[in-house]
Amino acid sequence: ELDDTVYDSMRQGVARALHDEADFGCATSFGEWQQDI
């Protein structure tokens, strides 16, 4: 409902979430949310 960019980002986020959960049993963010975090 917001825009296509937000929707595409959310779709990618869901796919990444399921992938991380299958691989690690947790979600990961290595320098993505903030470059140095």
PDB file of all heavy atoms in Angstrom:
ATOM      1  N   GLU A   1       0.816  -1.212   0.000  1.00  0.00           N
ATOM      2  CA  GLU A   1       0.000   0.000   0.000  1.00  0.00           C
ATOM      3  C   GLU A   1       0.852   1.265   0.000  1.00  0.00           C
ATOM      4  O   GLU A   1       0.374   2.334  -0.396  1.00  0.00           O
ATOM      5  CB  GLU A   1      -0.926   0.003   1.221  1.00  0.00           C
ATOM      6  CG  GLU A   1      -2.004  -1.074   1.179  1.00  0.00           C
ATOM      7  CD  GLU A   1      -2.778  -1.157   2.480  1.00  0.00           C
ATOM      8  OE1 GLU A   1      -2.431  -0.398   3.422  1.00  0.00           O
ATOM      9  OE2 GLU A   1      -3.706  -1.975   2.568  1.00  0.00           O
ATOM     10  N   LEU A   2       2.103   1.156   0.457  1.00  0.00           N
ATOM     11  CA  LEU A   2       2.974   2.332   0.502  1.00  0.00           C
ATOM     12  C   LEU A   2       3.556   2.613  -0.881  1.00  0.00           C
ATOM     13  O   LEU A   2       3.230   3.606  -1.499  1.00  0.00           O
ATOM     14  CB  LEU A   2       4.072   2.130   1.546  1.00  0.00           C
ATOM     15  CG  LEU A   2       3.572   1.983   2.992  1.00  0.00           C
ATOM     16  CD1 LEU A   2       4.731   1.741   3.929  1.00  0.00           C
ATOM     17  CD2 LEU A   2       2.802   3.229   3.419  1.00  0.00           C
ATOM     18  N   ASP A   3       4.434   1.749  -1.350  1.00  0.00           N
ATOM     19  CA  ASP A   3       4.929   1.857  -2.725  1.00  0.00           C
ATOM     20  C   ASP A   3       5.673   0.579  -3.083  1.00  0.00           C
ATOM     21  O   ASP A   3       5.929  -0.274  -2.232  1.00  0.00           O
ATOM     22  CB  ASP A   3       5.815   3.094  -2.937  1.00  0.00           C
ATOM     23  CG  ASP A   3       7.036   3.108  -2.028  1.00  0.00           C
ATOM     24  OD1 ASP A   3       7.773   2.104  -2.004  1.00  0.00           O
ATOM     25  OD2 ASP A   3       7.251   4.118  -1.344  1.00  0.00           O
ATOM     26  N   ASP A   4       6.037   0.454  -4.362  1.00  0.00           N
ATOM     27  CA  ASP A   4       6.671  -0.771  -4.850  1.00  0.00           C
ATOM     28  C   ASP A   4       8.041  -0.994  -4.213  1.00  0.00           C
ATOM     29  O   ASP A   4       8.456  -2.137  -4.003  1.00  0.00           O
ATOM     30  CB  ASP A   4       6.811  -0.717  -6.373  1.00  0.00           C
ATOM     31  CG  ASP A   4       5.478  -0.831  -7.088  1.00  0.00           C
ATOM     32  OD1 ASP A   4       4.516  -1.318  -6.451  1.00  0.00           O
ATOM     33  OD2 ASP A   4       5.391  -0.426  -8.263  1.00  0.00           O
ATOM     34  N   THR A   5       8.746   0.104  -3.915  1.00  0.00           N
ATOM     35  CA  THR A   5      10.081  -0.043  -3.312  1.00  0.00           C
ATOM     36  C   THR A   5       9.985  -0.681  -1.932  1.00  0.00           C
ATOM     37  O   THR A   5      10.756  -1.590  -1.607  1.00  0.00           O
ATOM     38  CB  THR A   5      10.758   1.337  -3.201  1.00  0.00           C
ATOM     39  OG1 THR A   5      10.867   1.924  -4.499  1.00  0.00           O
ATOM     40  CG2 THR A   5      12.148   1.196  -2.589  1.00  0.00           C
ATOM     41  N   VAL A   6       9.042  -0.214  -1.117  1.00  0.00           N
ATOM     42  CA  VAL A   6       8.846  -0.787   0.215  1.00  0.00           C
ATOM     43  C   VAL A   6       8.420  -2.242   0.100  1.00  0.00           C
ATOM     44  O   VAL A   6       8.898  -3.115   0.842  1.00  0.00           O
ATOM     45  CB  VAL A   6       7.802   0.024   1.005  1.00  0.00           C
ATOM     46  CG1 VAL A   6       7.525  -0.631   2.356  1.00  0.00           C
ATOM     47  CG2 VAL A   6       8.274   1.458   1.203  1.00  0.00           C
ATOM     48  N   TYR A   7       7.522  -2.541  -0.843  1.00  0.00           N
ATOM     49  CA  TYR A   7       7.040  -3.903  -1.032  1.00  0.00           C
ATOM     50  C   TYR A   7       8.177  -4.837  -1.450  1.00  0.00           C
ATOM     51  O   TYR A   7       8.318  -5.939  -0.906  1.00  0.00           O
ATOM     52  CB  TYR A   7       5.930  -3.911  -2.081  1.00  0.00           C
ATOM     53  CG  TYR A   7       5.435  -5.294  -2.424  1.00  0.00           C
ATOM     54  CD1 TYR A   7       4.752  -6.074  -1.486  1.00  0.00           C
ATOM     55  CD2 TYR A   7       5.647  -5.826  -3.693  1.00  0.00           C
ATOM     56  CE1 TYR A   7       4.301  -7.345  -1.804  1.00  0.00           C
ATOM     57  CE2 TYR A   7       5.196  -7.092  -4.012  1.00  0.00           C
ATOM     58  CZ  TYR A   7       4.519  -7.854  -3.071  1.00  0.00           C
ATOM     59  OH  TYR A   7       4.080  -9.107  -3.390  1.00  0.00           O
ATOM     60  N   ASP A   8       8.996  -4.402  -2.413  1.00  0.00           N
ATOM     61  CA  ASP A   8      10.113  -5.239  -2.859  1.00  0.00           C
ATOM     62  C   ASP A   8      11.096  -5.485  -1.725  1.00  0.00           C
ATOM     63  O   ASP A   8      11.618  -6.599  -1.566  1.00  0.00           O
ATOM     64  CB  ASP A   8      10.832  -4.573  -4.034  1.00  0.00           C
ATOM     65  CG  ASP A   8      10.000  -4.606  -5.311  1.00  0.00           C
ATOM     66  OD1 ASP A   8       9.072  -5.431  -5.385  1.00  0.00           O
ATOM     67  OD2 ASP A   8      10.283  -3.799  -6.220  1.00  0.00           O
ATOM     68  N   SER A   9      11.368  -4.441  -0.940  1.00  0.00           N
ATOM     69  CA  SER A   9      12.264  -4.591   0.204  1.00  0.00           C
ATOM     70  C   SER A   9      11.708  -5.584   1.213  1.00  0.00           C
ATOM     71  O   SER A   9      12.445  -6.414   1.757  1.00  0.00           O
ATOM     72  CB  SER A   9      12.485  -3.227   0.866  1.00  0.00           C
ATOM     73  OG  SER A   9      13.262  -3.359   2.042  1.00  0.00           O
ATOM     74  N   MET A  10      10.395  -5.536   1.446  1.00  0.00           N
ATOM     75  CA  MET A  10       9.781  -6.448   2.406  1.00  0.00           C
ATOM     76  C   MET A  10       9.817  -7.881   1.891  1.00  0.00           C
ATOM     77  O   MET A  10      10.069  -8.818   2.652  1.00  0.00           O
ATOM     78  CB  MET A  10       8.352  -6.016   2.708  1.00  0.00           C
ATOM     79  CG  MET A  10       7.715  -6.749   3.878  1.00  0.00           C
ATOM     80  SD  MET A  10       8.599  -6.459   5.452  1.00  0.00           S
ATOM     81  CE  MET A  10       8.199  -4.726   5.717  1.00  0.00           C
ATOM     82  N   ARG A  11       9.557  -8.074   0.610  1.00  0.00           N
ATOM     83  CA  ARG A  11       9.618  -9.420   0.036  1.00  0.00           C
ATOM     84  C   ARG A  11      11.019 -10.003   0.194  1.00  0.00           C
ATOM     85  O   ARG A  11      11.184 -11.165   0.555  1.00  0.00           O
ATOM     86  CB  ARG A  11       9.232  -9.389  -1.440  1.00  0.00           C
ATOM     87  CG  ARG A  11       7.749  -9.351  -1.711  1.00  0.00           C
ATOM     88  CD  ARG A  11       7.413  -9.736  -3.145  1.00  0.00           C
ATOM     89  NE  ARG A  11       8.186  -8.977  -4.119  1.00  0.00           N
ATOM     90  CZ  ARG A  11       9.112  -9.501  -4.914  1.00  0.00           C
ATOM     91  NH1 ARG A  11       9.401 -10.791  -4.831  1.00  0.00           N
ATOM     92  NH2 ARG A  11       9.763  -8.746  -5.767  1.00  0.00           N
ATOM     93  N   GLN A  12      12.017  -9.184  -0.075  1.00  0.00           N
ATOM     94  CA  GLN A  12      13.398  -9.639   0.079  1.00  0.00           C
ATOM     95  C   GLN A  12      13.718  -9.929   1.542  1.00  0.00           C
ATOM     96  O   GLN A  12      14.444 -10.878   1.855  1.00  0.00           O
ATOM     97  CB  GLN A  12      14.352  -8.589  -0.484  1.00  0.00           C
ATOM     98  CG  GLN A  12      14.231  -8.392  -1.985  1.00  0.00           C
ATOM     99  CD  GLN A  12      15.038  -7.201  -2.494  1.00  0.00           C
ATOM    100  OE1 GLN A  12      15.921  -6.691  -1.807  1.00  0.00           O
ATOM    101  NE2 GLN A  12      14.716  -6.747  -3.694  1.00  0.00           N
ATOM    102  N   GLY A  13      13.157  -9.104   2.441  1.00  0.00           N
ATOM    103  CA  GLY A  13      13.372  -9.318   3.869  1.00  0.00           C
ATOM    104  C   GLY A  13      12.777 -10.632   4.335  1.00  0.00           C
ATOM    105  O   GLY A  13      13.388 -11.356   5.134  1.00  0.00           O
ATOM    106  N   VAL A  14      11.583 -10.963   3.859  1.00  0.00           N
ATOM    107  CA  VAL A  14      10.945 -12.235   4.229  1.00  0.00           C
ATOM    108  C   VAL A  14      11.780 -13.406   3.713  1.00  0.00           C
ATOM    109  O   VAL A  14      12.030 -14.382   4.448  1.00  0.00           O
ATOM    110  CB  VAL A  14       9.513 -12.301   3.665  1.00  0.00           C
ATOM    111  CG1 VAL A  14       8.945 -13.705   3.821  1.00  0.00           C
ATOM    112  CG2 VAL A  14       8.609 -11.290   4.368  1.00  0.00           C
ATOM    113  N   ALA A  15      12.228 -13.323   2.464  1.00  0.00           N
ATOM    114  CA  ALA A  15      13.037 -14.400   1.893  1.00  0.00           C
ATOM    115  C   ALA A  15      14.338 -14.577   2.674  1.00  0.00           C
ATOM    116  O   ALA A  15      14.748 -15.712   2.977  1.00  0.00           O
ATOM    117  CB  ALA A  15      13.331 -14.112   0.424  1.00  0.00           C
ATOM    118  N   ARG A  16      14.980 -13.468   3.016  1.00  0.00           N
ATOM    119  CA  ARG A  16      16.229 -13.536   3.795  1.00  0.00           C
ATOM    120  C   ARG A  16      15.963 -14.106   5.176  1.00  0.00           C
ATOM    121  O   ARG A  16      16.760 -14.898   5.707  1.00  0.00           O
ATOM    122  CB  ARG A  16      16.823 -12.134   3.888  1.00  0.00           C
ATOM    123  CG  ARG A  16      17.978 -11.987   4.864  1.00  0.00           C
ATOM    124  CD  ARG A  16      19.231 -12.730   4.422  1.00  0.00           C
ATOM    125  NE  ARG A  16      20.264 -12.578   5.420  1.00  0.00           N
ATOM    126  CZ  ARG A  16      21.061 -11.501   5.507  1.00  0.00           C
ATOM    127  NH1 ARG A  16      20.932 -10.505   4.639  1.00  0.00           N
ATOM    128  NH2 ARG A  16      21.984 -11.429   6.448  1.00  0.00           N
ATOM    129  N   ALA A  17      14.842 -13.730   5.784  1.00  0.00           N
ATOM    130  CA  ALA A  17      14.503 -14.219   7.120  1.00  0.00           C
ATOM    131  C   ALA A  17      14.355 -15.730   7.129  1.00  0.00           C
ATOM    132  O   ALA A  17      14.903 -16.419   8.008  1.00  0.00           O
ATOM    133  CB  ALA A  17      13.208 -13.561   7.601  1.00  0.00           C
ATOM    134  N   LEU A  18      13.643 -16.266   6.160  1.00  0.00           N
ATOM    135  CA  LEU A  18      13.426 -17.714   6.094  1.00  0.00           C
ATOM    136  C   LEU A  18      14.726 -18.449   5.775  1.00  0.00           C
ATOM    137  O   LEU A  18      14.980 -19.543   6.301  1.00  0.00           O
ATOM    138  CB  LEU A  18      12.364 -18.027   5.040  1.00  0.00           C
ATOM    139  CG  LEU A  18      10.965 -17.459   5.334  1.00  0.00           C
ATOM    140  CD1 LEU A  18      10.028 -17.704   4.157  1.00  0.00           C
ATOM    141  CD2 LEU A  18      10.390 -18.059   6.615  1.00  0.00           C
ATOM    142  N   HIS A  19      15.556 -17.842   4.950  1.00  0.00           N
ATOM    143  CA  HIS A  19      16.844 -18.453   4.603  1.00  0.00           C
ATOM    144  C   HIS A  19      17.757 -18.515   5.820  1.00  0.00           C
ATOM    145  O   HIS A  19      18.372 -19.557   6.116  1.00  0.00           O
ATOM    146  CB  HIS A  19      17.505 -17.648   3.482  1.00  0.00           C
ATOM    147  CG  HIS A  19      18.783 -18.238   2.973  1.00  0.00           C
ATOM    148  ND1 HIS A  19      20.006 -17.986   3.557  1.00  0.00           N
ATOM    149  CD2 HIS A  19      19.025 -19.093   1.944  1.00  0.00           C
ATOM    150  CE1 HIS A  19      20.956 -18.639   2.906  1.00  0.00           C
ATOM    151  NE2 HIS A  19      20.388 -19.322   1.923  1.00  0.00           N
ATOM    152  N   ASP A  20      17.863 -17.415   6.558  1.00  0.00           N
ATOM    153  CA  ASP A  20      18.709 -17.382   7.759  1.00  0.00           C
ATOM    154  C   ASP A  20      18.200 -18.355   8.817  1.00  0.00           C
ATOM    155  O   ASP A  20      18.993 -19.032   9.484  1.00  0.00           O
ATOM    156  CB  ASP A  20      18.734 -15.964   8.346  1.00  0.00           C
ATOM    157  CG  ASP A  20      19.813 -15.096   7.726  1.00  0.00           C
ATOM    158  OD1 ASP A  20      20.540 -15.584   6.848  1.00  0.00           O
ATOM    159  OD2 ASP A  20      19.927 -13.923   8.124  1.00  0.00           O
ATOM    160  N   GLU A  21      16.886 -18.408   8.982  1.00  0.00           N
ATOM    161  CA  GLU A  21      16.310 -19.302   9.985  1.00  0.00           C
ATOM    162  C   GLU A  21      16.648 -20.756   9.664  1.00  0.00           C
ATOM    163  O   GLU A  21      16.973 -21.540  10.564  1.00  0.00           O
ATOM    164  CB  GLU A  21      14.785 -19.112  10.033  1.00  0.00           C
ATOM    165  CG  GLU A  21      14.064 -20.012  11.011  1.00  0.00           C
ATOM    166  CD  GLU A  21      14.425 -19.758  12.465  1.00  0.00           C
ATOM    167  OE1 GLU A  21      14.836 -18.635  12.790  1.00  0.00           O
ATOM    168  OE2 GLU A  21      14.300 -20.707  13.279  1.00  0.00           O
ATOM    169  N   ALA A  22      16.603 -21.111   8.390  1.00  0.00           N
ATOM    170  CA  ALA A  22      16.930 -22.482   7.983  1.00  0.00           C
ATOM    171  C   ALA A  22      18.411 -22.783   8.163  1.00  0.00           C
ATOM    172  O   ALA A  22      18.792 -23.890   8.568  1.00  0.00           O
ATOM    173  CB  ALA A  22      16.518 -22.694   6.531  1.00  0.00           C
ATOM    174  N   ASP A  23      19.265 -21.795   7.897  1.00  0.00           N
ATOM    175  CA  ASP A  23      20.715 -22.018   7.958  1.00  0.00           C
ATOM    176  C   ASP A  23      21.288 -21.906   9.369  1.00  0.00           C
ATOM    177  O   ASP A  23      22.174 -22.672   9.748  1.00  0.00           O
ATOM    178  CB  ASP A  23      21.434 -21.013   7.056  1.00  0.00           C
ATOM    179  CG  ASP A  23      21.351 -21.393   5.587  1.00  0.00           C
ATOM    180  OD1 ASP A  23      20.787 -22.461   5.281  1.00  0.00           O
ATOM    181  OD2 ASP A  23      21.826 -20.606   4.746  1.00  0.00           O
ATOM    182  N   PHE A  24      20.796 -20.929  10.144  1.00  0.00           N
ATOM    183  CA  PHE A  24      21.421 -20.614  11.433  1.00  0.00           C
ATOM    184  C   PHE A  24      20.501 -20.760  12.636  1.00  0.00           C
ATOM    185  O   PHE A  24      20.979 -20.756  13.770  1.00  0.00           O
ATOM    186  CB  PHE A  24      21.956 -19.175  11.412  1.00  0.00           C
ATOM    187  CG  PHE A  24      22.878 -18.869  10.273  1.00  0.00           C
ATOM    188  CD1 PHE A  24      22.513 -17.933   9.309  1.00  0.00           C
ATOM    189  CD2 PHE A  24      24.095 -19.507  10.143  1.00  0.00           C
ATOM    190  CE1 PHE A  24      23.350 -17.636   8.252  1.00  0.00           C
ATOM    191  CE2 PHE A  24      24.948 -19.218   9.088  1.00  0.00           C
ATOM    192  CZ  PHE A  24      24.573 -18.282   8.133  1.00  0.00           C
ATOM    193  N   GLY A  25      19.193 -20.842  12.413  1.00  0.00           N
ATOM    194  CA  GLY A  25      18.267 -20.850  13.546  1.00  0.00           C
ATOM    195  C   GLY A  25      18.109 -19.474  14.158  1.00  0.00           C
ATOM    196  O   GLY A  25      17.598 -19.328  15.268  1.00  0.00           O
ATOM    197  N   CYS A  26      18.539 -18.431  13.428  1.00  0.00           N
ATOM    198  CA  CYS A  26      18.414 -17.050  13.882  1.00  0.00           C
ATOM    199  C   CYS A  26      18.497 -16.150  12.664  1.00  0.00           C
ATOM    200  O   CYS A  26      18.819 -16.609  11.564  1.00  0.00           O
ATOM    201  CB  CYS A  26      19.512 -16.688  14.888  1.00  0.00           C
ATOM    202  SG  CYS A  26      21.172 -16.627  14.164  1.00  0.00           S
ATOM    203  N   ALA A  27      18.205 -14.875  12.837  1.00  0.00           N
ATOM    204  CA  ALA A  27      18.383 -13.892  11.767  1.00  0.00           C
ATOM    205  C   ALA A  27      19.724 -13.198  11.947  1.00  0.00           C
ATOM    206  O   ALA A  27      20.222 -13.072  13.067  1.00  0.00           O
ATOM    207  CB  ALA A  27      17.254 -12.867  11.791  1.00  0.00           C
ATOM    208  N   THR A  28      20.308 -12.753  10.846  1.00  0.00           N
ATOM    209  CA  THR A  28      21.624 -12.127  10.909  1.00  0.00           C
ATOM    210  C   THR A  28      21.630 -10.785  10.191  1.00  0.00           C
ATOM    211  O   THR A  28      20.841 -10.547   9.269  1.00  0.00           O
ATOM    212  CB  THR A  28      22.696 -13.024  10.251  1.00  0.00           C
ATOM    213  OG1 THR A  28      22.422 -13.125   8.840  1.00  0.00           O
ATOM    214  CG2 THR A  28      22.690 -14.419  10.870  1.00  0.00           C
ATOM    215  N   SER A  29      22.524  -9.912  10.618  1.00  0.00           N
ATOM    216  CA  SER A  29      22.759  -8.641   9.945  1.00  0.00           C
ATOM    217  C   SER A  29      24.215  -8.272  10.188  1.00  0.00           C
ATOM    218  O   SER A  29      24.585  -7.868  11.296  1.00  0.00           O
ATOM    219  CB  SER A  29      21.827  -7.543  10.480  1.00  0.00           C
ATOM    220  OG  SER A  29      22.128  -6.302   9.865  1.00  0.00           O
ATOM    221  N   PHE A  30      25.020  -8.419   9.173  1.00  0.00           N
ATOM    222  CA  PHE A  30      26.444  -8.137   9.296  1.00  0.00           C
ATOM    223  C   PHE A  30      26.785  -6.946   8.400  1.00  0.00           C
ATOM    224  O   PHE A  30      27.042  -7.092   7.213  1.00  0.00           O
ATOM    225  CB  PHE A  30      27.266  -9.369   8.914  1.00  0.00           C
ATOM    226  CG  PHE A  30      26.945 -10.583   9.743  1.00  0.00           C
ATOM    227  CD1 PHE A  30      26.581 -11.779   9.139  1.00  0.00           C
ATOM    228  CD2 PHE A  30      26.983 -10.524  11.129  1.00  0.00           C
ATOM    229  CE1 PHE A  30      26.282 -12.891   9.907  1.00  0.00           C
ATOM    230  CE2 PHE A  30      26.678 -11.632  11.903  1.00  0.00           C
ATOM    231  CZ  PHE A  30      26.324 -12.818  11.294  1.00  0.00           C
ATOM    232  N   GLY A  31      26.735  -5.756   9.001  1.00  0.00           N
ATOM    233  CA  GLY A  31      27.025  -4.538   8.271  1.00  0.00           C
ATOM    234  C   GLY A  31      25.930  -4.110   7.317  1.00  0.00           C
ATOM    235  O   GLY A  31      26.176  -3.276   6.445  1.00  0.00           O
ATOM    236  N   GLU A  32      24.709  -4.638   7.476  1.00  0.00           N
ATOM    237  CA  GLU A  32      23.616  -4.276   6.564  1.00  0.00           C
ATOM    238  C   GLU A  32      22.724  -3.200   7.172  1.00  0.00           C
ATOM    239  O   GLU A  32      22.413  -2.201   6.516  1.00  0.00           O
ATOM    240  CB  GLU A  32      22.782  -5.513   6.242  1.00  0.00           C
ATOM    241  CG  GLU A  32      23.565  -6.623   5.563  1.00  0.00           C
ATOM    242  CD  GLU A  32      22.848  -7.944   5.711  1.00  0.00           C
ATOM    243  OE1 GLU A  32      21.665  -8.014   5.347  1.00  0.00           O
ATOM    244  OE2 GLU A  32      23.473  -8.910   6.213  1.00  0.00           O
ATOM    245  N   TRP A  33      22.265  -3.415   8.406  1.00  0.00           N
ATOM    246  CA  TRP A  33      21.423  -2.415   9.062  1.00  0.00           C
ATOM    247  C   TRP A  33      22.207  -1.115   9.217  1.00  0.00           C
ATOM    248  O   TRP A  33      21.739  -0.043   8.855  1.00  0.00           O
ATOM    249  CB  TRP A  33      20.962  -2.945  10.418  1.00  0.00           C
ATOM    250  CG  TRP A  33      20.257  -1.912  11.226  1.00  0.00           C
ATOM    251  CD1 TRP A  33      19.083  -1.272  10.919  1.00  0.00           C
ATOM    252  CD2 TRP A  33      20.696  -1.350  12.470  1.00  0.00           C
ATOM    253  NE1 TRP A  33      18.764  -0.349  11.889  1.00  0.00           N
ATOM    254  CE2 TRP A  33      19.734  -0.377  12.853  1.00  0.00           C
ATOM    255  CE3 TRP A  33      21.791  -1.581  13.299  1.00  0.00           C
ATOM    256  CZ2 TRP A  33      19.850   0.368  14.026  1.00  0.00           C
ATOM    257  CZ3 TRP A  33      21.909  -0.844  14.460  1.00  0.00           C
ATOM    258  CH2 TRP A  33      20.947   0.109  14.820  1.00  0.00           C
ATOM    259  N   GLN A  34      23.414  -1.202   9.750  1.00  0.00           N
ATOM    260  CA  GLN A  34      24.375  -0.099   9.747  1.00  0.00           C
ATOM    261  C   GLN A  34      25.725  -0.696   9.388  1.00  0.00           C
ATOM    262  O   GLN A  34      26.054  -1.807   9.802  1.00  0.00           O
ATOM    263  CB  GLN A  34      24.437   0.592  11.112  1.00  0.00           C
ATOM    264  CG  GLN A  34      23.197   1.422  11.426  1.00  0.00           C
ATOM    265  CD  GLN A  34      23.380   2.251  12.690  1.00  0.00           C
ATOM    266  OE1 GLN A  34      24.487   2.443  13.180  1.00  0.00           O
ATOM    267  NE2 GLN A  34      22.272   2.753  13.218  1.00  0.00           N
ATOM    268  N   GLN A  35      26.498   0.039   8.637  1.00  0.00           N
ATOM    269  CA  GLN A  35      27.708  -0.500   8.033  1.00  0.00           C
ATOM    270  C   GLN A  35      28.691  -1.074   9.057  1.00  0.00           C
ATOM    271  O   GLN A  35      29.360  -2.069   8.800  1.00  0.00           O
ATOM    272  CB  GLN A  35      28.403   0.579   7.198  1.00  0.00           C
ATOM    273  CG  GLN A  35      29.597   0.069   6.396  1.00  0.00           C
ATOM    274  CD  GLN A  35      30.157   1.130   5.476  1.00  0.00           C
ATOM    275  OE1 GLN A  35      29.708   2.270   5.484  1.00  0.00           O
ATOM    276  NE2 GLN A  35      31.141   0.769   4.677  1.00  0.00           N
ATOM    277  N   ASP A  36      28.754  -0.465  10.222  1.00  0.00           N
ATOM    278  CA  ASP A  36      29.755  -0.873  11.205  1.00  0.00           C
ATOM    279  C   ASP A  36      29.150  -1.663  12.373  1.00  0.00           C
ATOM    280  O   ASP A  36      29.758  -1.761  13.442  1.00  0.00           O
ATOM    281  CB  ASP A  36      30.501   0.341  11.751  1.00  0.00           C
ATOM    282  CG  ASP A  36      29.547   1.366  12.380  1.00  0.00           C
ATOM    283  OD1 ASP A  36      28.331   1.264  12.148  1.00  0.00           O
ATOM    284  OD2 ASP A  36      30.032   2.258  13.103  1.00  0.00           O
ATOM    285  N   ILE A  37      27.960  -2.248  12.165  1.00  0.00           N
ATOM    286  CA  ILE A  37      27.278  -2.979  13.230  1.00  0.00           C
ATOM    287  C   ILE A  37      26.991  -4.417  12.795  1.00  0.00           C
ATOM    288  O   ILE A  37      26.484  -4.646  11.693  1.00  0.00           O
ATOM    289  CB  ILE A  37      25.945  -2.298  13.622  1.00  0.00           C
ATOM    290  CG1 ILE A  37      26.190  -0.864  14.104  1.00  0.00           C
ATOM    291  CG2 ILE A  37      25.222  -3.117  14.693  1.00  0.00           C
ATOM    292  CD1 ILE A  37      27.048  -0.769  15.347  1.00  0.00           C
TER     293      ILE A  37
END
